[in-house]
């Protein structure tokens, strides 16, 4: 497995290194610590750019030595460019299985500003992605007892996320909780026929929501079956819930509280993303904890268990 650790050399990025070091990885895993020197501040100063690259190489080497000393073979890559696109392009070129990047913890609009490398990576990466955050209920990166909240809607991308979790090694005493939510029925009210329509809407809402619960229950059962087939039995199957999946998953993760949310990516682009919205992207940007977005076809979604 090839882990691409994208760092801006901030304290937040230091937390990504700590998270990678604390977690077991399948045999044969290697890491690359990537720092892209942003061209913008140095557009008029070649000497400043050279100094920035030298300093970045020294800092990334220190981070790589830290990971290598923990038993994970690690190399470095430093070059100048536009971080939002360069991380994605290098991941594709190197053949990364997984990109790990830190979040600076902005809230609201700050998480969606154009300069957000994390958002760009989640949206455009060719492989699975983890946005690494420190759980505020944890004083340090957990080395055991990790709490994984696995979201599923029964789709192929959700099942890929379930398999990814089930097939990977995790710290001892790791607990897994499943969650699935069906969107509520939202009738369009016509004022001219509101009295007649309201009774019809009630019946429609009950029918749609019961069907949604049935699909969510089936998704939970299928996910639990996959875990059982792969030898993972210490899971909490959960109950089907009604609500906006983005809000439900975030609320469940915070209430538990989870250390990592794992979700699949439908891979929507263009108009589909605009019209439907991306549940995985929204969760990745707004969660209080780390979030893994697993993509179908990514090697990480089909890795062996390891020892």
Protein backbone atom coordinates (compact mmCIF):
# COMPACT_ATOMS: atom_id res chain seq x y z
CA UNK A 1 0.00 0.00 0.00
CA UNK A 2 1.25 3.50 -0.88
CA UNK A 3 0.36 6.31 1.54
CA UNK A 4 0.77 9.88 0.33
CA UNK A 5 0.99 12.22 3.34
CA UNK A 6 0.42 15.78 2.14
CA UNK A 7 1.85 18.33 4.55
CA UNK A 8 2.06 22.12 4.74
CA UNK A 9 4.54 21.72 7.64
CA UNK A 10 2.11 23.32 10.12
CA UNK A 11 1.26 21.94 13.55
CA UNK A 12 -1.88 20.45 11.99
CA UNK A 13 0.26 18.45 9.59
CA UNK A 14 2.35 17.25 12.51
CA UNK A 15 -0.85 15.66 13.79
CA UNK A 16 -1.20 13.73 10.52
CA UNK A 17 2.26 12.23 11.02
CA UNK A 18 1.33 11.25 14.58
CA UNK A 19 -1.85 9.57 13.34
CA UNK A 20 -0.01 7.60 10.65
CA UNK A 21 2.65 6.49 13.13
CA UNK A 22 0.08 5.36 15.72
CA UNK A 23 -1.85 3.12 13.34
CA UNK A 24 -0.93 -0.39 12.14
CA UNK A 25 -0.69 -0.81 8.37
CA UNK A 26 -0.71 -3.89 6.09
CA UNK A 27 2.62 -5.53 5.36
CA UNK A 28 4.51 -3.84 2.55
CA UNK A 29 3.06 -0.39 3.18
CA UNK A 30 5.26 2.57 2.26
CA UNK A 31 4.75 6.31 2.72
CA UNK A 32 5.73 9.47 0.89
CA UNK A 33 5.65 12.82 2.67
CA UNK A 34 4.82 15.48 0.10
CA UNK A 35 5.21 19.22 0.53
CA UNK A 36 4.30 21.58 -2.28
CA UNK A 37 5.94 24.99 -1.93
CA UNK A 38 3.21 27.44 -2.89
CA UNK A 39 4.39 29.56 -5.81
CA UNK A 40 2.15 32.53 -5.03
CA UNK A 41 4.15 34.29 -2.28
CA UNK A 42 7.45 33.88 -4.16
CA UNK A 43 6.42 34.90 -7.69
CA UNK A 44 8.87 37.82 -7.67
CA UNK A 45 11.72 36.33 -5.66
CA UNK A 46 13.76 33.35 -6.85
CA UNK A 47 16.09 33.58 -3.86
CA UNK A 48 13.15 33.36 -1.46
CA UNK A 49 11.79 30.39 -3.37
CA UNK A 50 15.13 28.57 -3.15
CA UNK A 51 15.34 29.25 0.58
CA UNK A 52 11.78 28.01 1.08
CA UNK A 53 12.51 24.78 -0.81
CA UNK A 54 15.68 24.14 1.21
CA UNK A 55 13.82 24.69 4.49
CA UNK A 56 10.94 22.46 3.34
CA UNK A 57 13.29 19.64 2.38
CA UNK A 58 14.93 19.77 5.79
CA UNK A 59 11.57 19.72 7.59
CA UNK A 60 10.06 16.91 5.50
CA UNK A 61 13.19 14.82 6.01
CA UNK A 62 12.78 15.15 9.78
CA UNK A 63 9.15 14.00 9.48
CA UNK A 64 10.17 11.10 7.24
CA UNK A 65 12.85 10.01 9.71
CA UNK A 66 10.20 10.00 12.43
CA UNK A 67 7.95 7.66 10.42
CA UNK A 68 10.84 5.48 9.27
CA UNK A 69 11.97 5.01 12.87
CA UNK A 70 8.50 3.66 13.67
CA UNK A 71 8.99 0.93 11.06
CA UNK A 72 7.19 2.48 8.09
CA UNK A 73 9.49 2.99 5.05
CA UNK A 74 9.15 6.65 4.11
CA UNK A 75 10.46 8.89 1.35
CA UNK A 76 9.99 12.62 0.72
CA UNK A 77 9.05 14.80 -2.22
CA UNK A 78 9.32 18.60 -2.27
CA UNK A 79 8.65 20.84 -5.27
CA UNK A 80 7.03 24.17 -6.12
CA UNK A 81 3.51 24.42 -7.48
CA UNK A 82 -0.14 25.05 -6.69
CA UNK A 83 -0.88 22.78 -3.68
CA UNK A 84 -4.56 22.13 -4.52
CA UNK A 85 -3.77 20.59 -7.90
CA UNK A 86 -0.20 19.40 -7.30
CA UNK A 87 -1.17 16.97 -4.51
CA UNK A 88 -3.77 15.33 -6.73
CA UNK A 89 -1.47 15.18 -9.75
CA UNK A 90 1.37 13.67 -7.75
CA UNK A 91 -0.96 11.08 -6.19
CA UNK A 92 -1.96 9.99 -9.68
CA UNK A 93 1.64 9.95 -10.93
CA UNK A 94 3.00 8.01 -7.94
CA UNK A 95 0.08 5.61 -7.90
CA UNK A 96 -0.99 6.42 -4.34
CA UNK A 97 -3.57 4.16 -2.73
CA UNK A 98 -4.47 6.69 -0.08
CA UNK A 99 -3.92 10.40 0.57
CA UNK A 100 -3.80 11.69 4.14
CA UNK A 101 -4.10 15.42 4.70
CA UNK A 102 -4.74 17.56 7.76
CA UNK A 103 -7.58 19.98 8.37
CA UNK A 104 -7.03 23.38 9.92
CA UNK A 105 -10.37 23.09 11.69
CA UNK A 106 -12.20 26.01 10.14
CA UNK A 107 -15.94 26.25 10.57
CA UNK A 108 -18.77 27.29 8.27
CA UNK A 109 -17.66 29.10 5.11
CA UNK A 110 -13.99 28.84 6.07
CA UNK A 111 -14.09 25.12 5.30
CA UNK A 112 -15.21 25.80 1.74
CA UNK A 113 -12.98 28.71 0.73
CA UNK A 114 -11.27 28.25 -2.68
CA UNK A 115 -7.88 27.72 -1.05
CA UNK A 116 -8.92 24.59 0.83
CA UNK A 117 -6.46 21.88 -0.16
CA UNK A 118 -8.38 19.34 1.92
CA UNK A 119 -11.63 19.96 0.06
CA UNK A 120 -9.92 19.81 -3.34
CA UNK A 121 -8.29 16.49 -2.44
CA UNK A 122 -11.57 14.97 -1.22
CA UNK A 123 -13.34 16.09 -4.38
CA UNK A 124 -10.77 15.24 -7.05
CA UNK A 125 -8.33 12.64 -5.70
CA UNK A 126 -7.91 9.48 -7.80
CA UNK A 127 -7.81 7.31 -4.67
CA UNK A 128 -9.18 7.08 -1.15
CA UNK A 129 -8.62 10.04 1.17
CA UNK A 130 -8.44 10.64 4.90
CA UNK A 131 -8.92 14.10 6.39
CA UNK A 132 -7.08 13.80 9.70
CA UNK A 133 -8.37 15.68 12.74
CA UNK A 134 -7.73 15.25 16.42
CA UNK A 135 -10.91 14.19 18.22
CA UNK A 136 -11.52 17.00 20.76
CA UNK A 137 -12.57 14.36 23.31
CA UNK A 138 -9.12 12.75 23.02
CA UNK A 139 -6.02 14.25 24.61
CA UNK A 140 -3.74 12.46 22.16
CA UNK A 141 -3.80 10.27 19.06
CA UNK A 142 -5.33 6.92 20.14
CA UNK A 143 -3.04 3.91 19.96
CA UNK A 144 -5.84 1.55 21.04
CA UNK A 145 -9.60 1.64 21.44
CA UNK A 146 -10.19 3.52 18.18
CA UNK A 147 -13.89 4.21 17.53
CA UNK A 148 -14.92 3.82 13.88
CA UNK A 149 -18.32 4.99 12.66
CA UNK A 150 -19.03 3.32 9.31
CA UNK A 151 -21.78 4.94 7.24
CA UNK A 152 -23.65 2.85 4.69
CA UNK A 153 -26.59 3.30 2.33
CA UNK A 154 -26.27 -0.14 0.78
CA UNK A 155 -24.66 1.16 -2.43
CA UNK A 156 -21.57 -0.39 -3.97
CA UNK A 157 -19.42 2.52 -2.80
CA UNK A 158 -20.70 2.04 0.77
CA UNK A 159 -19.99 -1.67 0.63
CA UNK A 160 -16.46 -0.88 -0.62
CA UNK A 161 -15.99 1.28 2.48
CA UNK A 162 -17.23 -1.54 4.71
CA UNK A 163 -14.82 -4.01 3.09
CA UNK A 164 -11.98 -1.53 3.42
CA UNK A 165 -12.48 -1.30 7.17
CA UNK A 166 -13.00 -5.04 7.58
CA UNK A 167 -9.88 -5.99 5.63
CA UNK A 168 -7.41 -3.67 7.37
CA UNK A 169 -5.54 -4.06 10.66
CA UNK A 170 -6.60 -1.67 13.42
CA UNK A 171 -5.31 -0.90 16.92
CA UNK A 172 -6.38 -3.23 19.71
CA UNK A 173 -9.81 -2.71 21.28
CA UNK A 174 -11.10 -0.92 18.19
CA UNK A 175 -14.90 -0.66 18.15
CA UNK A 176 -17.08 -0.27 15.06
CA UNK A 177 -20.56 1.18 14.85
CA UNK A 178 -22.73 1.11 11.72
CA UNK A 179 -25.10 3.92 10.79
CA UNK A 180 -27.59 4.29 7.94
CA UNK A 181 -30.12 7.05 7.36
CA UNK A 182 -32.97 7.51 4.90
CA UNK A 183 -33.90 11.05 3.80
CA UNK A 184 -37.30 12.26 5.11
CA UNK A 185 -40.27 12.79 2.82
CA UNK A 186 -40.54 16.48 1.85
CA UNK A 187 -43.95 17.22 0.25
CA UNK A 188 -44.50 20.25 -1.98
CA UNK A 189 -47.51 22.06 -0.58
CA UNK A 190 -50.04 23.52 -3.01
CA UNK A 191 -51.97 26.30 -1.18
CA UNK A 192 -54.99 25.86 -3.48
CA UNK A 193 -55.52 22.23 -2.40
CA UNK A 194 -53.76 22.20 0.96
CA UNK A 195 -56.60 20.54 2.90
CA UNK A 196 -57.00 17.62 0.49
CA UNK A 197 -53.29 17.37 -0.19
CA UNK A 198 -52.29 17.34 3.46
CA UNK A 199 -53.99 14.00 4.08
CA UNK A 200 -52.45 12.56 0.94
CA UNK A 201 -49.05 13.91 1.95
CA UNK A 202 -49.29 12.24 5.36
CA UNK A 203 -49.97 8.86 3.79
CA UNK A 204 -47.23 9.41 1.23
CA UNK A 205 -44.76 10.43 3.92
CA UNK A 206 -45.51 7.32 5.96
CA UNK A 207 -45.11 5.07 2.93
CA UNK A 208 -41.90 6.71 1.74
CA UNK A 209 -40.32 6.79 5.19
CA UNK A 210 -41.18 3.15 5.90
CA UNK A 211 -39.62 2.19 2.58
CA UNK A 212 -36.57 4.31 3.44
CA UNK A 213 -36.23 2.62 6.82
CA UNK A 214 -36.47 -0.79 5.14
CA UNK A 215 -33.65 0.13 2.74
CA UNK A 216 -31.54 1.48 5.60
CA UNK A 217 -32.16 -1.67 7.65
CA UNK A 218 -31.16 -3.81 4.67
CA UNK A 219 -27.98 -1.71 4.24
CA UNK A 220 -27.07 -2.24 7.91
CA UNK A 221 -27.72 -5.98 7.68
CA UNK A 222 -25.62 -6.30 4.52
CA UNK A 223 -22.75 -4.38 6.10
CA UNK A 224 -22.92 -6.53 9.24
CA UNK A 225 -22.88 -9.63 7.03
CA UNK A 226 -19.73 -8.46 5.24
CA UNK A 227 -17.98 -7.83 8.56
CA UNK A 228 -19.01 -11.30 9.78
CA UNK A 229 -17.80 -12.96 6.56
CA UNK A 230 -14.42 -11.28 6.96
CA UNK A 231 -14.13 -12.32 10.61
CA UNK A 232 -14.99 -8.99 12.26
CA UNK A 233 -17.65 -9.58 14.90
CA UNK A 234 -17.24 -6.79 17.45
CA UNK A 235 -19.55 -4.30 15.75
CA UNK A 236 -22.65 -2.35 16.77
CA UNK A 237 -25.18 -2.75 13.93
CA UNK A 238 -27.27 0.31 14.81
CA UNK A 239 -30.89 1.12 13.90
CA UNK A 240 -32.18 2.67 10.66
CA UNK A 241 -32.71 6.42 11.06
CA UNK A 242 -34.75 9.03 9.20
CA UNK A 243 -33.12 12.34 8.36
CA UNK A 244 -30.64 14.07 6.09
CA UNK A 245 -27.79 11.51 5.96
CA UNK A 246 -25.17 14.27 6.32
CA UNK A 247 -26.72 15.60 9.52
CA UNK A 248 -27.52 12.15 10.93
CA UNK A 249 -24.00 10.81 10.41
CA UNK A 250 -22.35 13.92 11.86
CA UNK A 251 -24.68 13.90 14.88
CA UNK A 252 -24.11 10.19 15.53
CA UNK A 253 -20.36 10.62 15.22
CA UNK A 254 -20.31 13.49 17.71
CA UNK A 255 -22.64 11.83 20.20
CA UNK A 256 -20.70 8.54 20.33
CA UNK A 257 -18.00 10.16 19.94
CA UNK A 258 -16.20 8.63 16.94
CA UNK A 259 -12.48 8.96 16.20
CA UNK A 260 -12.93 8.24 12.49
CA UNK A 261 -15.95 8.31 10.18
CA UNK A 262 -15.69 6.01 7.16
CA UNK A 263 -17.89 6.61 4.13
CA UNK A 264 -17.91 5.66 0.48
CA UNK A 265 -17.77 8.12 -2.40
CA UNK A 266 -20.34 8.01 -5.21
CA UNK A 267 -17.90 9.88 -7.43
CA UNK A 268 -20.43 12.43 -8.68
CA UNK A 269 -19.11 15.21 -10.89
CA UNK A 270 -20.43 18.34 -12.57
CA UNK A 271 -24.21 18.75 -12.55
CA UNK A 272 -24.81 15.62 -10.46
CA UNK A 273 -22.66 17.02 -7.66
CA UNK A 274 -24.40 20.41 -7.92
CA UNK A 275 -27.90 18.93 -7.85
CA UNK A 276 -27.42 16.05 -5.43
CA UNK A 277 -24.67 17.34 -3.22
CA UNK A 278 -21.87 15.13 -1.98
CA UNK A 279 -22.61 13.44 1.34
CA UNK A 280 -19.02 12.24 1.71
CA UNK A 281 -17.56 15.69 0.96
CA UNK A 282 -19.92 17.42 3.38
CA UNK A 283 -19.07 14.95 6.14
CA UNK A 284 -15.34 15.28 5.45
CA UNK A 285 -15.48 19.06 5.72
CA UNK A 286 -17.78 19.36 8.76
CA UNK A 287 -16.94 16.39 11.01
CA UNK A 288 -15.42 16.92 14.45
CA UNK A 289 -13.08 13.97 13.87
CA UNK A 290 -11.08 12.31 11.10
CA UNK A 291 -12.96 11.14 8.00
CA UNK A 292 -12.04 8.45 5.47
CA UNK A 293 -13.62 8.69 2.02
CA UNK A 294 -13.18 5.35 0.25
CA UNK A 295 -13.38 5.21 -3.54
CA UNK A 296 -14.36 2.10 -5.49
CA UNK A 297 -11.39 0.69 -7.34
CA UNK A 298 -8.88 2.17 -4.92
CA UNK A 299 -6.41 -0.56 -3.84
CA UNK A 300 -6.99 0.48 -0.26
CA UNK A 301 -10.61 -0.67 -0.52
CA UNK A 302 -9.38 -4.20 -1.25
CA UNK A 303 -6.31 -4.70 0.93
CA UNK A 304 -5.40 -7.87 2.85
CA UNK A 305 -5.84 -8.03 6.58
CA UNK A 306 -2.14 -8.24 7.43
CA UNK A 307 -0.82 -9.71 10.68
